[in-house]
């Protein structure tokens, strides 16, 4: 019997509302660590993360069973709560 191998990579972009330059160097480091923790907690692997003062790019490997829409919403909601 054959076997199946899946390797799913996603490029996710989060932008600051109205593209305002709100992500400074200190916040960027905190944000990268925070998102990496969420990805690991959900069973994914953070491949790369970067961006500028108004957006962040994330390259993440997720298992094929993971619900992508749940992941995106969870990151947004959790960081907004953390920053409040």
N, C-alpha and C. Protein backbone atom coordinates (compact mmCIF):
# COMPACT_ATOMS: atom_id res chain seq x y z
N UNK A 1 0.84 -1.18 0.00
CA UNK A 1 0.00 0.00 0.00
C UNK A 1 0.89 1.24 0.00
N UNK A 2 0.51 2.24 -0.77
CA UNK A 2 1.29 3.47 -0.87
C UNK A 2 1.09 4.37 0.34
N UNK A 3 1.97 5.31 0.48
CA UNK A 3 1.84 6.26 1.58
C UNK A 3 1.71 7.67 1.00
N UNK A 4 1.17 8.56 1.79
CA UNK A 4 0.96 9.94 1.37
C UNK A 4 1.80 10.85 2.25
N UNK A 5 2.42 11.83 1.61
CA UNK A 5 3.22 12.82 2.34
C UNK A 5 2.70 14.20 1.96
N UNK A 6 2.38 15.00 2.94
CA UNK A 6 1.91 16.36 2.70
C UNK A 6 2.84 17.35 3.39
N UNK A 7 3.17 18.40 2.68
CA UNK A 7 3.98 19.47 3.23
C UNK A 7 3.34 20.78 2.79
N UNK A 8 2.65 21.44 3.71
CA UNK A 8 1.89 22.63 3.39
C UNK A 8 2.54 23.87 4.00
N UNK A 9 2.88 24.82 3.15
CA UNK A 9 3.48 26.09 3.59
C UNK A 9 2.52 27.22 3.22
N UNK A 10 2.38 28.15 4.14
CA UNK A 10 1.48 29.28 3.92
C UNK A 10 2.23 30.59 4.13
N UNK A 11 1.99 31.54 3.25
CA UNK A 11 2.53 32.88 3.38
C UNK A 11 1.37 33.75 3.86
N UNK A 12 1.49 34.26 5.07
CA UNK A 12 0.42 35.04 5.70
C UNK A 12 0.94 36.46 5.90
N UNK A 13 0.11 37.43 5.58
CA UNK A 13 0.47 38.84 5.76
C UNK A 13 -0.55 39.50 6.68
N UNK A 14 -0.04 40.13 7.73
CA UNK A 14 -0.89 40.93 8.61
C UNK A 14 -0.50 42.39 8.40
N UNK A 15 -1.49 43.25 8.18
CA UNK A 15 -1.22 44.67 8.01
C UNK A 15 -1.83 45.47 9.15
N UNK A 16 -1.18 46.56 9.49
CA UNK A 16 -1.70 47.47 10.50
C UNK A 16 -2.87 48.24 9.88
N UNK A 17 -3.89 48.46 10.67
CA UNK A 17 -5.06 49.18 10.17
C UNK A 17 -4.64 50.52 9.57
N UNK A 18 -5.15 50.80 8.40
CA UNK A 18 -4.85 52.03 7.65
C UNK A 18 -3.38 52.15 7.30
N UNK A 19 -2.65 51.03 7.35
CA UNK A 19 -1.21 50.98 7.00
C UNK A 19 -0.38 52.03 7.75
N UNK A 20 -0.78 52.29 8.99
CA UNK A 20 -0.01 53.24 9.81
C UNK A 20 1.28 52.59 10.27
N UNK A 21 2.32 53.34 10.41
CA UNK A 21 3.63 52.83 10.84
C UNK A 21 3.68 52.72 12.36
N UNK A 22 3.15 51.63 12.88
CA UNK A 22 3.05 51.46 14.33
C UNK A 22 3.98 50.40 14.90
N UNK A 23 4.60 49.59 14.06
CA UNK A 23 5.43 48.50 14.55
C UNK A 23 6.89 48.98 14.62
N UNK A 24 7.31 49.36 15.82
CA UNK A 24 8.70 49.79 16.00
C UNK A 24 9.58 48.58 16.30
N UNK A 25 10.86 48.78 16.43
CA UNK A 25 11.81 47.66 16.61
C UNK A 25 11.49 46.83 17.86
N UNK A 26 11.14 47.49 18.96
CA UNK A 26 10.83 46.78 20.20
C UNK A 26 9.57 45.94 20.04
N UNK A 27 8.54 46.53 19.48
CA UNK A 27 7.29 45.80 19.28
C UNK A 27 7.48 44.68 18.26
N UNK A 28 8.27 44.92 17.23
CA UNK A 28 8.50 43.91 16.19
C UNK A 28 9.08 42.64 16.80
N UNK A 29 10.06 42.77 17.67
CA UNK A 29 10.67 41.61 18.31
C UNK A 29 9.64 40.86 19.16
N UNK A 30 8.88 41.59 19.95
CA UNK A 30 7.82 40.98 20.77
C UNK A 30 6.78 40.27 19.92
N UNK A 31 6.39 40.93 18.85
CA UNK A 31 5.37 40.39 17.95
C UNK A 31 5.85 39.11 17.27
N UNK A 32 7.10 39.10 16.82
CA UNK A 32 7.67 37.91 16.18
C UNK A 32 7.70 36.73 17.16
N UNK A 33 8.14 36.99 18.38
CA UNK A 33 8.17 35.93 19.39
C UNK A 33 6.77 35.43 19.71
N UNK A 34 5.84 36.34 19.82
CA UNK A 34 4.47 36.00 20.16
C UNK A 34 3.84 35.13 19.07
N UNK A 35 3.97 35.54 17.82
CA UNK A 35 3.40 34.78 16.71
C UNK A 35 4.07 33.42 16.60
N UNK A 36 5.38 33.36 16.80
CA UNK A 36 6.09 32.07 16.80
C UNK A 36 5.54 31.13 17.85
N UNK A 37 5.22 31.66 19.03
CA UNK A 37 4.64 30.85 20.10
C UNK A 37 3.26 30.31 19.73
N UNK A 38 2.45 31.14 19.09
CA UNK A 38 1.12 30.69 18.66
C UNK A 38 1.25 29.58 17.63
N UNK A 39 2.15 29.77 16.68
CA UNK A 39 2.34 28.75 15.62
C UNK A 39 2.78 27.42 16.24
N UNK A 40 3.76 27.46 17.14
CA UNK A 40 4.22 26.23 17.79
C UNK A 40 3.11 25.57 18.60
N UNK A 41 2.37 26.37 19.34
CA UNK A 41 1.28 25.85 20.16
C UNK A 41 0.24 25.13 19.30
N UNK A 42 0.04 25.59 18.09
CA UNK A 42 -0.96 25.00 17.20
C UNK A 42 -0.40 23.86 16.35
N UNK A 43 0.85 23.45 16.60
CA UNK A 43 1.42 22.32 15.89
C UNK A 43 2.12 22.66 14.60
N UNK A 44 2.34 23.94 14.34
CA UNK A 44 3.01 24.37 13.12
C UNK A 44 4.48 24.66 13.35
N UNK A 45 5.17 25.00 12.26
CA UNK A 45 6.58 25.37 12.33
C UNK A 45 6.73 26.72 11.63
N UNK A 46 7.27 27.70 12.35
CA UNK A 46 7.52 29.01 11.78
C UNK A 46 8.78 28.93 10.93
N UNK A 47 8.64 29.10 9.63
CA UNK A 47 9.77 29.01 8.71
C UNK A 47 10.51 30.33 8.61
N UNK A 48 9.76 31.43 8.53
CA UNK A 48 10.37 32.76 8.42
C UNK A 48 9.34 33.80 8.86
N UNK A 49 9.84 34.93 9.37
CA UNK A 49 8.97 36.04 9.76
C UNK A 49 9.74 37.33 9.53
N UNK A 50 9.05 38.35 9.07
CA UNK A 50 9.69 39.63 8.80
C UNK A 50 8.63 40.66 8.44
N UNK A 51 9.07 41.81 8.02
CA UNK A 51 8.13 42.85 7.63
C UNK A 51 8.70 44.22 7.85
N UNK A 52 7.82 45.19 8.00
CA UNK A 52 8.25 46.57 8.21
C UNK A 52 7.36 47.21 9.26
N UNK A 53 7.34 48.52 9.30
CA UNK A 53 6.60 49.21 10.36
C UNK A 53 5.09 49.17 10.17
N UNK A 54 4.61 48.70 9.01
CA UNK A 54 3.16 48.67 8.81
C UNK A 54 2.59 47.31 8.43
N UNK A 55 3.43 46.28 8.35
CA UNK A 55 2.92 44.94 8.06
C UNK A 55 3.95 43.87 8.43
N UNK A 56 3.47 42.61 8.51
CA UNK A 56 4.33 41.48 8.85
C UNK A 56 4.05 40.34 7.88
N UNK A 57 5.12 39.70 7.40
CA UNK A 57 5.01 38.51 6.56
C UNK A 57 5.40 37.30 7.40
N UNK A 58 4.64 36.23 7.27
CA UNK A 58 4.91 35.00 8.01
C UNK A 58 4.90 33.84 7.02
N UNK A 59 5.92 33.00 7.06
CA UNK A 59 5.93 31.76 6.30
C UNK A 59 5.87 30.64 7.32
N UNK A 60 4.80 29.85 7.26
CA UNK A 60 4.56 28.84 8.26
C UNK A 60 4.20 27.51 7.61
N UNK A 61 4.67 26.43 8.21
CA UNK A 61 4.30 25.08 7.79
C UNK A 61 3.27 24.57 8.78
N UNK A 62 2.12 24.15 8.28
CA UNK A 62 1.05 23.67 9.13
C UNK A 62 0.65 22.26 8.70
N UNK A 63 0.17 21.46 9.66
CA UNK A 63 -0.28 20.11 9.29
C UNK A 63 -1.51 20.17 8.39
N UNK A 64 -1.71 19.19 7.52
CA UNK A 64 -2.85 19.21 6.60
C UNK A 64 -4.21 19.20 7.28
N UNK A 65 -4.25 18.82 8.53
CA UNK A 65 -5.53 18.77 9.26
C UNK A 65 -5.91 20.10 9.89
N UNK A 66 -5.02 21.09 9.81
CA UNK A 66 -5.26 22.36 10.49
C UNK A 66 -6.23 23.24 9.70
N UNK A 67 -7.13 23.90 10.42
CA UNK A 67 -8.09 24.82 9.80
C UNK A 67 -7.43 26.19 9.65
N UNK A 68 -7.10 26.56 8.43
CA UNK A 68 -6.37 27.81 8.18
C UNK A 68 -7.10 29.05 8.67
N UNK A 69 -8.40 29.14 8.44
CA UNK A 69 -9.13 30.33 8.84
C UNK A 69 -9.11 30.50 10.36
N UNK A 70 -9.13 29.41 11.09
CA UNK A 70 -9.06 29.48 12.56
C UNK A 70 -7.72 30.04 13.01
N UNK A 71 -6.64 29.63 12.36
CA UNK A 71 -5.30 30.09 12.70
C UNK A 71 -5.16 31.61 12.52
N UNK A 72 -5.60 32.11 11.36
CA UNK A 72 -5.48 33.53 11.06
C UNK A 72 -6.26 34.35 12.07
N UNK A 73 -7.50 33.98 12.34
CA UNK A 73 -8.33 34.73 13.27
C UNK A 73 -7.75 34.68 14.68
N UNK A 74 -7.24 33.54 15.08
CA UNK A 74 -6.68 33.38 16.41
C UNK A 74 -5.47 34.29 16.62
N UNK A 75 -4.59 34.39 15.64
CA UNK A 75 -3.42 35.28 15.76
C UNK A 75 -3.86 36.73 15.92
N UNK A 76 -4.79 37.16 15.11
CA UNK A 76 -5.25 38.55 15.18
C UNK A 76 -5.87 38.85 16.53
N UNK A 77 -6.79 38.01 16.96
CA UNK A 77 -7.51 38.25 18.21
C UNK A 77 -6.56 38.22 19.40
N UNK A 78 -5.68 37.25 19.48
CA UNK A 78 -4.79 37.12 20.63
C UNK A 78 -3.82 38.29 20.73
N UNK A 79 -3.29 38.79 19.61
CA UNK A 79 -2.35 39.90 19.71
C UNK A 79 -3.07 41.18 20.10
N UNK A 80 -4.27 41.38 19.57
CA UNK A 80 -5.04 42.57 19.94
C UNK A 80 -5.31 42.56 21.44
N UNK A 81 -5.67 41.40 21.99
CA UNK A 81 -5.92 41.30 23.44
C UNK A 81 -4.66 41.53 24.23
N UNK A 82 -3.52 41.01 23.75
CA UNK A 82 -2.25 41.17 24.45
C UNK A 82 -1.82 42.63 24.49
N UNK A 83 -2.09 43.37 23.43
CA UNK A 83 -1.63 44.75 23.32
C UNK A 83 -2.56 45.74 24.02
N UNK A 84 -3.74 45.31 24.43
CA UNK A 84 -4.71 46.21 25.07
C UNK A 84 -4.32 46.60 26.47
